[in-house]
Amino acid sequence: TKQLKQLNISNNIVAQLELKGTRLESLEELRVSNNLLQQVKLDEGHSQIYGALAGFNVVQDVLIGEGMLLLSELNFEHNKLLSVESFAKAALPSLKSLILGNTANVDYNGIVSADFKDSNLGELRILSLRHNCLAEISSLSALAKLEELNLSNNFLQEFLFDCHNHVGSLAKLDLTANRLVRTQWTNPQNLQ
């Protein structure tokens, strides 16, 4: 198993995935979409992983340990996440794409706020928080290299944005289908 590069167990009924203690040093991509997973744990034993795709599960908790220095893509769309905190606070210096959309449904609120203050996501290029119950997002300035931000289909009522001081590299911003009553734009020359 030392040469295994991709593990794909998508489209099953897996409720628990335990990789702790395994010797999968060469595992680069983990695909566990469309299962019944409630928790995903990524730790130093899997430090070679650059992509984890776990959409369409019932994940409520994502535990990210130290040593995930190569992780560049995380997709937890269509899960039951309540917070972005485990992602924002994790040491993920190579993360380029974070997809956390569609966490809300009629029985479940999903993500209602997102704070990226003091995050270690300096290389993040794509952030999708679409189709949540997001009423507040703050501290985007920590995401200096962000190019695409999708906040569509949320509950945002106000969006105040200084393109130069917050995210100077932003090229695409989607605020479709929110509850916006006030927007304020300062220095939007980089926005397409």
C-alpha atoms as a PDB file:
ATOM      1  CA  THR A   1       0.000   0.000   0.000  1.00  0.00           C
ATOM      2  CA  LYS A   2       3.001   2.337   0.120  1.00  0.00           C
ATOM      3  CA  GLN A   3       2.563   3.127  -3.607  1.00  0.00           C
ATOM      4  CA  LEU A   4      -1.186   3.887  -3.456  1.00  0.00           C
ATOM      5  CA  LYS A   5      -1.642   7.415  -4.856  1.00  0.00           C
ATOM      6  CA  GLN A   6      -5.423   7.719  -5.066  1.00  0.00           C
ATOM      7  CA  LEU A   7      -8.078   6.144  -2.863  1.00  0.00           C
ATOM      8  CA  ASN A   8     -11.620   6.408  -4.191  1.00  0.00           C
ATOM      9  CA  ILE A   9     -14.446   4.861  -2.183  1.00  0.00           C
ATOM     10  CA  SER A  10     -17.165   7.203  -3.417  1.00  0.00           C
ATOM     11  CA  ASN A  11     -20.789   6.151  -3.959  1.00  0.00           C
ATOM     12  CA  ASN A  12     -21.007   3.606  -1.157  1.00  0.00           C
ATOM     13  CA  ILE A  13     -22.579   3.656   2.299  1.00  0.00           C
ATOM     14  CA  VAL A  14     -19.389   4.170   4.305  1.00  0.00           C
ATOM     15  CA  ALA A  15     -20.243   5.724   7.683  1.00  0.00           C
ATOM     16  CA  GLN A  16     -16.765   5.611   9.234  1.00  0.00           C
ATOM     17  CA  LEU A  17     -13.371   5.944   7.627  1.00  0.00           C
ATOM     18  CA  GLU A  18     -10.385   5.216   9.836  1.00  0.00           C
ATOM     19  CA  LEU A  19      -6.991   5.752   8.258  1.00  0.00           C
ATOM     20  CA  LYS A  20      -5.124   6.356  11.510  1.00  0.00           C
ATOM     21  CA  GLY A  21      -2.100   4.142  11.872  1.00  0.00           C
ATOM     22  CA  THR A  22      -2.059   3.168   8.207  1.00  0.00           C
ATOM     23  CA  ARG A  23       1.140   3.488   6.219  1.00  0.00           C
ATOM     24  CA  LEU A  24      -0.128   5.302   3.152  1.00  0.00           C
ATOM     25  CA  GLU A  25       2.796   7.673   2.696  1.00  0.00           C
ATOM     26  CA  SER A  26       2.223   8.023  -1.039  1.00  0.00           C
ATOM     27  CA  LEU A  27      -1.544   8.735  -0.878  1.00  0.00           C
ATOM     28  CA  GLU A  28      -2.106  12.002  -2.736  1.00  0.00           C
ATOM     29  CA  GLU A  29      -5.861  12.125  -3.255  1.00  0.00           C
ATOM     30  CA  LEU A  30      -8.707  10.891  -1.095  1.00  0.00           C
ATOM     31  CA  ARG A  31     -12.176  10.653  -2.654  1.00  0.00           C
ATOM     32  CA  VAL A  32     -14.989   9.691  -0.308  1.00  0.00           C
ATOM     33  CA  SER A  33     -17.949  11.544  -1.843  1.00  0.00           C
ATOM     34  CA  ASN A  34     -21.523  10.295  -1.667  1.00  0.00           C
ATOM     35  CA  ASN A  35     -21.313   8.179   1.468  1.00  0.00           C
ATOM     36  CA  LEU A  36     -22.645   8.480   5.024  1.00  0.00           C
ATOM     37  CA  LEU A  37     -19.525   9.912   6.671  1.00  0.00           C
ATOM     38  CA  GLN A  38     -20.128  12.083   9.747  1.00  0.00           C
ATOM     39  CA  GLN A  39     -16.524  12.985  10.494  1.00  0.00           C
ATOM     40  CA  VAL A  40     -13.342  13.290   8.447  1.00  0.00           C
ATOM     41  CA  LYS A  41      -9.912  13.350  10.058  1.00  0.00           C
ATOM     42  CA  LEU A  42      -6.777  14.332   8.180  1.00  0.00           C
ATOM     43  CA  ASP A  43      -3.538  14.203  10.128  1.00  0.00           C
ATOM     44  CA  GLU A  44       0.236  14.044   9.837  1.00  0.00           C
ATOM     45  CA  GLY A  45       0.117  10.371   8.847  1.00  0.00           C
ATOM     46  CA  HIS A  46      -1.336  11.494   5.533  1.00  0.00           C
ATOM     47  CA  SER A  47       0.838  14.517   4.892  1.00  0.00           C
ATOM     48  CA  GLN A  48       1.266  13.738   1.166  1.00  0.00           C
ATOM     49  CA  ILE A  49      -2.452  14.249   0.435  1.00  0.00           C
ATOM     50  CA  TYR A  50      -3.037  17.227  -1.833  1.00  0.00           C
ATOM     51  CA  GLY A  51      -6.764  16.715  -2.386  1.00  0.00           C
ATOM     52  CA  ALA A  52      -9.675  15.530  -0.239  1.00  0.00           C
ATOM     53  CA  LEU A  53     -13.080  15.312  -1.883  1.00  0.00           C
ATOM     54  CA  ALA A  54     -15.843  14.450   0.567  1.00  0.00           C
ATOM     55  CA  GLY A  55     -18.969  16.010  -0.863  1.00  0.00           C
ATOM     56  CA  PHE A  56     -22.461  14.524  -0.452  1.00  0.00           C
ATOM     57  CA  ASN A  57     -21.993  13.045   3.007  1.00  0.00           C
ATOM     58  CA  VAL A  58     -23.373  14.047   6.412  1.00  0.00           C
ATOM     59  CA  VAL A  59     -20.070  15.408   7.742  1.00  0.00           C
ATOM     60  CA  GLN A  60     -20.485  17.691  10.742  1.00  0.00           C
ATOM     61  CA  ASP A  61     -16.897  17.723  11.904  1.00  0.00           C
ATOM     62  CA  VAL A  62     -13.596  17.952  10.032  1.00  0.00           C
ATOM     63  CA  LEU A  63     -10.428  17.469  12.068  1.00  0.00           C
ATOM     64  CA  ILE A  64      -7.271  18.685  10.392  1.00  0.00           C
ATOM     65  CA  GLY A  65      -4.032  17.919  12.214  1.00  0.00           C
ATOM     66  CA  GLU A  66      -0.571  19.346  11.874  1.00  0.00           C
ATOM     67  CA  GLY A  67       1.557  18.425   8.914  1.00  0.00           C
ATOM     68  CA  MET A  68      -0.986  18.778   6.097  1.00  0.00           C
ATOM     69  CA  LEU A  69       1.408  21.077   4.258  1.00  0.00           C
ATOM     70  CA  LEU A  70       0.660  19.843   0.715  1.00  0.00           C
ATOM     71  CA  LEU A  71      -3.137  19.904   0.923  1.00  0.00           C
ATOM     72  CA  SER A  72      -4.314  22.172  -1.903  1.00  0.00           C
ATOM     73  CA  GLU A  73      -7.954  21.171  -2.481  1.00  0.00           C
ATOM     74  CA  LEU A  74     -10.791  20.486  -0.039  1.00  0.00           C
ATOM     75  CA  ASN A  75     -14.374  19.877  -1.135  1.00  0.00           C
ATOM     76  CA  PHE A  76     -17.008  19.324   1.545  1.00  0.00           C
ATOM     77  CA  GLU A  77     -20.008  20.497  -0.457  1.00  0.00           C
ATOM     78  CA  HIS A  78     -23.407  19.021   0.465  1.00  0.00           C
ATOM     79  CA  ASN A  79     -22.607  18.123   4.063  1.00  0.00           C
ATOM     80  CA  LYS A  80     -23.886  19.231   7.477  1.00  0.00           C
ATOM     81  CA  LEU A  81     -21.099  21.589   8.464  1.00  0.00           C
ATOM     82  CA  LEU A  82     -21.872  24.289  11.019  1.00  0.00           C
ATOM     83  CA  SER A  83     -18.682  26.304  10.830  1.00  0.00           C
ATOM     84  CA  VAL A  84     -15.653  27.203   8.753  1.00  0.00           C
ATOM     85  CA  GLU A  85     -13.511  27.364  11.896  1.00  0.00           C
ATOM     86  CA  SER A  86     -11.755  24.005  11.511  1.00  0.00           C
ATOM     87  CA  PHE A  87     -10.624  25.072   8.033  1.00  0.00           C
ATOM     88  CA  ALA A  88      -9.789  28.694   8.875  1.00  0.00           C
ATOM     89  CA  LYS A  89      -7.732  27.784  11.951  1.00  0.00           C
ATOM     90  CA  ALA A  90      -5.884  24.813  10.440  1.00  0.00           C
ATOM     91  CA  ALA A  91      -2.304  25.123   9.223  1.00  0.00           C
ATOM     92  CA  LEU A  92      -2.972  24.717   5.492  1.00  0.00           C
ATOM     93  CA  PRO A  93      -0.337  26.859   3.798  1.00  0.00           C
ATOM     94  CA  SER A  94      -0.832  25.248   0.351  1.00  0.00           C
ATOM     95  CA  LEU A  95      -4.639  25.232   0.251  1.00  0.00           C
ATOM     96  CA  LYS A  96      -5.844  26.802  -3.006  1.00  0.00           C
ATOM     97  CA  SER A  97      -9.481  25.654  -3.224  1.00  0.00           C
ATOM     98  CA  LEU A  98     -12.009  25.383  -0.385  1.00  0.00           C
ATOM     99  CA  ILE A  99     -15.556  24.362  -1.359  1.00  0.00           C
ATOM    100  CA  LEU A 100     -18.058  24.396   1.516  1.00  0.00           C
ATOM    101  CA  GLY A 101     -21.334  25.048  -0.287  1.00  0.00           C
ATOM    102  CA  ASN A 102     -24.774  23.535   0.175  1.00  0.00           C
ATOM    103  CA  THR A 103     -24.607  22.774   3.873  1.00  0.00           C
ATOM    104  CA  ALA A 104     -28.141  23.986   4.613  1.00  0.00           C
ATOM    105  CA  ASN A 105     -31.490  22.355   3.978  1.00  0.00           C
ATOM    106  CA  VAL A 106     -35.016  22.682   5.378  1.00  0.00           C
ATOM    107  CA  ASP A 107     -34.070  20.796   8.558  1.00  0.00           C
ATOM    108  CA  TYR A 108     -30.577  22.173   9.041  1.00  0.00           C
ATOM    109  CA  ASN A 109     -29.132  25.731   9.050  1.00  0.00           C
ATOM    110  CA  GLY A 110     -25.604  24.896   7.974  1.00  0.00           C
ATOM    111  CA  ILE A 111     -22.942  27.599   8.045  1.00  0.00           C
ATOM    112  CA  VAL A 112     -24.351  30.912   9.321  1.00  0.00           C
ATOM    113  CA  SER A 113     -21.141  32.949   9.709  1.00  0.00           C
ATOM    114  CA  ALA A 114     -17.578  32.828   8.439  1.00  0.00           C
ATOM    115  CA  ASP A 115     -14.591  34.509  10.050  1.00  0.00           C
ATOM    116  CA  PHE A 116     -11.162  34.172   8.481  1.00  0.00           C
ATOM    117  CA  LYS A 117      -9.310  36.383  10.964  1.00  0.00           C
ATOM    118  CA  ASP A 118      -5.898  34.931  11.823  1.00  0.00           C
ATOM    119  CA  SER A 119      -6.354  32.133   9.296  1.00  0.00           C
ATOM    120  CA  ASN A 120      -3.398  30.381   7.715  1.00  0.00           C
ATOM    121  CA  LEU A 121      -4.953  30.266   4.252  1.00  0.00           C
ATOM    122  CA  GLY A 122      -2.644  32.723   2.541  1.00  0.00           C
ATOM    123  CA  GLU A 123      -2.542  30.731  -0.721  1.00  0.00           C
ATOM    124  CA  LEU A 124      -6.323  30.265  -1.024  1.00  0.00           C
ATOM    125  CA  ARG A 125      -7.520  31.170  -4.545  1.00  0.00           C
ATOM    126  CA  ILE A 126     -11.094  29.778  -4.604  1.00  0.00           C
ATOM    127  CA  LEU A 127     -13.626  29.930  -1.775  1.00  0.00           C
ATOM    128  CA  SER A 128     -17.209  28.771  -2.225  1.00  0.00           C
ATOM    129  CA  LEU A 129     -19.731  29.201   0.572  1.00  0.00           C
ATOM    130  CA  ARG A 130     -22.749  29.141  -1.731  1.00  0.00           C
ATOM    131  CA  HIS A 131     -26.152  27.813  -0.664  1.00  0.00           C
ATOM    132  CA  ASN A 132     -25.699  28.167   3.082  1.00  0.00           C
ATOM    133  CA  CYS A 133     -27.465  30.334   5.652  1.00  0.00           C
ATOM    134  CA  LEU A 134     -24.538  32.726   5.791  1.00  0.00           C
ATOM    135  CA  ALA A 135     -25.609  36.032   7.370  1.00  0.00           C
ATOM    136  CA  GLU A 136     -22.119  37.345   8.114  1.00  0.00           C
ATOM    137  CA  ILE A 137     -18.655  37.037   6.618  1.00  0.00           C
ATOM    138  CA  SER A 138     -15.627  38.836   8.004  1.00  0.00           C
ATOM    139  CA  SER A 139     -11.864  39.171   7.882  1.00  0.00           C
ATOM    140  CA  LEU A 140     -11.375  38.468   4.207  1.00  0.00           C
ATOM    141  CA  SER A 141      -8.107  40.426   4.391  1.00  0.00           C
ATOM    142  CA  ALA A 142      -6.370  37.238   5.575  1.00  0.00           C
ATOM    143  CA  LEU A 143      -7.143  35.714   2.159  1.00  0.00           C
ATOM    144  CA  ALA A 144      -4.762  37.936   0.218  1.00  0.00           C
ATOM    145  CA  LYS A 145      -4.558  35.748  -2.925  1.00  0.00           C
ATOM    146  CA  LEU A 146      -8.278  34.995  -3.238  1.00  0.00           C
ATOM    147  CA  GLU A 147      -9.370  35.133  -6.890  1.00  0.00           C
ATOM    148  CA  GLU A 148     -12.895  33.652  -6.756  1.00  0.00           C
ATOM    149  CA  LEU A 149     -15.439  34.125  -3.974  1.00  0.00           C
ATOM    150  CA  ASN A 150     -18.907  32.566  -4.264  1.00  0.00           C
ATOM    151  CA  LEU A 151     -21.358  33.734  -1.614  1.00  0.00           C
ATOM    152  CA  SER A 152     -24.514  33.182  -3.667  1.00  0.00           C
ATOM    153  CA  ASN A 153     -27.778  31.944  -2.163  1.00  0.00           C
ATOM    154  CA  ASN A 154     -27.154  33.003   1.411  1.00  0.00           C
ATOM    155  CA  PHE A 155     -28.755  35.434   3.870  1.00  0.00           C
ATOM    156  CA  LEU A 156     -26.285  38.319   3.583  1.00  0.00           C
ATOM    157  CA  GLN A 157     -28.035  41.670   4.096  1.00  0.00           C
ATOM    158  CA  GLU A 158     -24.977  43.880   3.888  1.00  0.00           C
ATOM    159  CA  PHE A 159     -21.740  43.630   1.976  1.00  0.00           C
ATOM    160  CA  LEU A 160     -19.014  46.198   2.602  1.00  0.00           C
ATOM    161  CA  PHE A 161     -15.957  45.644   0.516  1.00  0.00           C
ATOM    162  CA  ASP A 162     -12.665  47.437   0.004  1.00  0.00           C
ATOM    163  CA  CYS A 163     -11.058  45.577  -2.882  1.00  0.00           C
ATOM    164  CA  HIS A 164      -7.620  47.015  -2.267  1.00  0.00           C
ATOM    165  CA  ASN A 165      -7.365  46.505   1.490  1.00  0.00           C
ATOM    166  CA  HIS A 166      -9.277  43.246   1.709  1.00  0.00           C
ATOM    167  CA  VAL A 167      -8.573  41.073  -1.295  1.00  0.00           C
ATOM    168  CA  GLY A 168      -6.623  42.810  -4.038  1.00  0.00           C
ATOM    169  CA  SER A 169      -6.454  39.763  -6.328  1.00  0.00           C
ATOM    170  CA  LEU A 170     -10.214  39.069  -6.415  1.00  0.00           C
ATOM    171  CA  ALA A 171     -11.381  38.591 -10.015  1.00  0.00           C
ATOM    172  CA  LYS A 172     -14.793  36.942  -9.527  1.00  0.00           C
ATOM    173  CA  LEU A 173     -17.388  37.636  -6.840  1.00  0.00           C
ATOM    174  CA  ASP A 174     -20.880  36.083  -6.814  1.00  0.00           C
ATOM    175  CA  LEU A 175     -23.474  37.584  -4.446  1.00  0.00           C
ATOM    176  CA  THR A 176     -26.523  36.323  -6.363  1.00  0.00           C
ATOM    177  CA  ALA A 177     -29.722  35.549  -4.413  1.00  0.00           C
ATOM    178  CA  ASN A 178     -28.883  37.006  -1.030  1.00  0.00           C
ATOM    179  CA  ARG A 179     -30.955  39.476   0.999  1.00  0.00           C
ATOM    180  CA  LEU A 180     -28.727  42.446   0.274  1.00  0.00           C
ATOM    181  CA  VAL A 181     -30.122  45.840   1.217  1.00  0.00           C
ATOM    182  CA  ARG A 182     -26.776  47.652   1.395  1.00  0.00           C
ATOM    183  CA  THR A 183     -23.509  47.317  -0.463  1.00  0.00           C
ATOM    184  CA  GLN A 184     -20.496  49.556  -0.312  1.00  0.00           C
ATOM    185  CA  TRP A 185     -17.648  49.307  -2.808  1.00  0.00           C
ATOM    186  CA  THR A 186     -14.305  50.999  -2.438  1.00  0.00           C
ATOM    187  CA  ASN A 187     -11.472  50.780  -4.956  1.00  0.00           C
ATOM    188  CA  PRO A 188     -13.024  48.119  -7.266  1.00  0.00           C
ATOM    189  CA  GLN A 189     -10.460  48.364 -10.118  1.00  0.00           C
ATOM    190  CA  ASN A 190      -9.385  44.686  -9.821  1.00  0.00           C
ATOM    191  CA  LEU A 191     -12.897  43.265  -9.956  1.00  0.00           C
ATOM    192  CA  GLN A 192     -14.065  41.864 -13.318  1.00  0.00           C
END
